[in-house]
Protein backbone atom coordinates (compact mmCIF):
# COMPACT_ATOMS: atom_id res chain seq x y z
CA MET A 1 6.90 -31.21 25.20
CA GLN A 2 5.34 -33.94 22.76
CA ASN A 3 2.16 -31.78 21.69
CA VAL A 4 4.07 -28.78 21.21
CA LYS A 5 2.14 -27.32 18.28
CA LYS A 6 4.79 -25.66 15.66
CA GLY A 7 3.28 -22.96 13.61
CA THR A 8 2.69 -19.26 12.90
CA ASP A 9 1.03 -17.92 15.96
CA ARG A 10 -0.53 -14.27 14.97
CA GLY A 11 -0.69 -13.36 18.62
CA PHE A 12 2.69 -11.38 18.91
CA ASP A 13 1.90 -9.37 15.44
CA GLN A 14 0.85 -5.99 15.92
CA ALA A 15 -2.96 -5.39 14.47
CA ARG A 16 -3.60 -3.67 11.51
CA ILE A 17 -6.01 -0.98 11.87
CA ASP A 18 -8.19 0.70 8.94
CA LEU A 19 -7.65 4.10 8.72
CA VAL A 20 -9.47 6.81 6.80
CA LYS A 21 -8.75 10.89 5.80
CA CYS A 22 -10.09 12.98 8.73
CA PRO A 23 -13.60 14.13 7.96
CA THR A 24 -12.70 17.55 9.42
CA CYS A 25 -9.90 18.71 7.60
CA LYS A 26 -10.19 16.04 4.71
CA GLY A 27 -6.60 14.70 5.31
CA ARG A 28 -4.63 18.03 5.28
CA ALA A 29 -4.01 17.90 8.88
CA VAL A 30 -4.66 21.64 9.19
CA VAL A 31 -8.00 23.69 9.40
CA ARG A 32 -8.23 26.88 7.67
CA GLY A 33 -8.80 29.63 10.74
CA VAL A 34 -9.40 33.51 10.39
CA PHE A 35 -6.13 34.60 9.71
CA PHE A 36 -3.79 31.39 9.22
CA GLU A 37 -4.35 27.34 9.56
CA LEU A 38 -4.51 25.67 12.81
CA ALA A 39 -3.89 21.96 13.46
CA CYS A 40 -6.70 19.73 13.38
CA THR A 41 -7.86 18.97 16.73
CA ALA A 42 -10.49 16.18 15.46
CA CYS A 43 -7.22 13.96 14.37
CA ASN A 44 -4.83 15.30 16.42
CA GLY A 45 -3.02 17.33 13.44
CA SER A 46 -2.27 13.62 11.83
CA GLY A 47 -5.09 13.60 9.10
CA TRP A 48 -6.09 10.08 9.82
CA VAL A 49 -8.43 8.61 12.07
CA VAL A 50 -9.89 5.07 12.63
CA GLU A 51 -12.37 3.85 10.21
CA GLY A 52 -16.22 3.37 11.46
CA SER A 53 -15.62 5.18 14.84
CA LYS A 54 -13.82 8.25 13.60
CA LEU A 55 -11.32 7.72 16.88
CA VAL A 56 -7.87 9.20 17.09
CA LEU A 57 -5.14 7.01 17.57
CA PRO A 58 -2.26 7.91 20.05
CA LEU A 59 1.00 9.10 18.09
CA ASP A 60 3.05 6.16 18.72
CA GLU A 61 0.22 3.93 17.55
CA LEU A 62 -0.29 6.08 14.65
CA VAL A 63 3.26 5.91 13.68
CA THR A 64 2.95 2.13 13.54
CA GLN A 65 -0.08 2.17 11.52
CA LEU A 66 1.10 4.88 8.97
CA SER A 67 4.38 2.69 8.26
CA PHE A 68 1.99 -0.35 7.53
CA LYS A 69 -0.09 2.10 5.06
CA LEU A 70 3.19 2.89 3.58
CA GLN A 71 4.62 -0.39 3.31
CA ALA A 72 1.31 -1.72 1.42
CA ALA A 73 1.55 1.33 -0.99
CA GLU A 74 4.99 0.91 -1.74
CA GLN A 75 4.50 -3.02 -2.52
CA GLN A 76 1.52 -2.14 -4.70
CA ILE A 77 3.52 0.64 -6.67
CA THR A 78 6.48 -2.21 -7.32
CA GLN A 79 3.67 -4.42 -8.49
CA MET A 80 2.05 -2.11 -11.05
CA LYS A 81 5.76 -1.09 -12.15
CA ARG A 82 6.50 -5.06 -12.98
CA PRO A 83 5.76 -5.86 -16.41
CA SER A 84 3.16 -8.38 -17.06
CA GLU A 85 3.60 -11.68 -18.42
CA MET A 86 2.24 -11.94 -22.10
CA HIS A 87 0.70 -15.16 -22.56
CA GLY A 88 -0.70 -16.54 -25.93
CA PRO A 89 -0.16 -15.45 -29.53
CA GLU A 90 1.03 -11.71 -28.35
CA GLN A 91 3.68 -13.08 -26.39
CA GLN A 92 5.47 -14.40 -29.86
CA TYR A 93 5.44 -10.57 -30.97
CA GLN A 94 7.14 -9.16 -28.04
CA GLY A 95 11.11 -9.42 -27.89
CA THR A 96 13.26 -11.65 -29.95
CA ASN A 97 12.62 -15.70 -30.06
CA ARG A 98 16.15 -15.88 -32.33
CA ARG A 99 14.65 -17.87 -34.68
CA GLY A 100 14.86 -15.55 -37.81
CA ALA A 101 17.48 -14.99 -40.36
CA GLY A 102 20.60 -13.66 -38.22
CA GLY A 103 19.08 -14.37 -35.09
CA SER A 104 16.23 -12.03 -35.40
CA ASN A 105 12.62 -12.40 -34.52
CA PHE A 106 10.63 -15.03 -36.20
CA THR A 107 6.88 -14.70 -36.07
CA GLY A 108 5.72 -17.15 -38.90
CA ASP A 109 3.56 -14.61 -40.39
């Protein structure tokens, strides 16, 4: 037990598979039939296939991979909504610094 390596081993993590939109249905999950729309057989009606090989994932694996994709998109959205920090001279003009008369903004101009 002396040489037990403590650390994060990625062996138990679910593998991330890159997904792309199905080239047959173009991500819509349905194809146009003669009279009505049919579920796309190239992607099992999901609209997503494995990048490069165009293989179809089983439904249980597809749900997991789509969840990973959704989490990454939500994280990117929250990051874009977060206001960026200003640096340099423009920081002085944003908000109040309470250095002016009556606690107003003073820029020194």
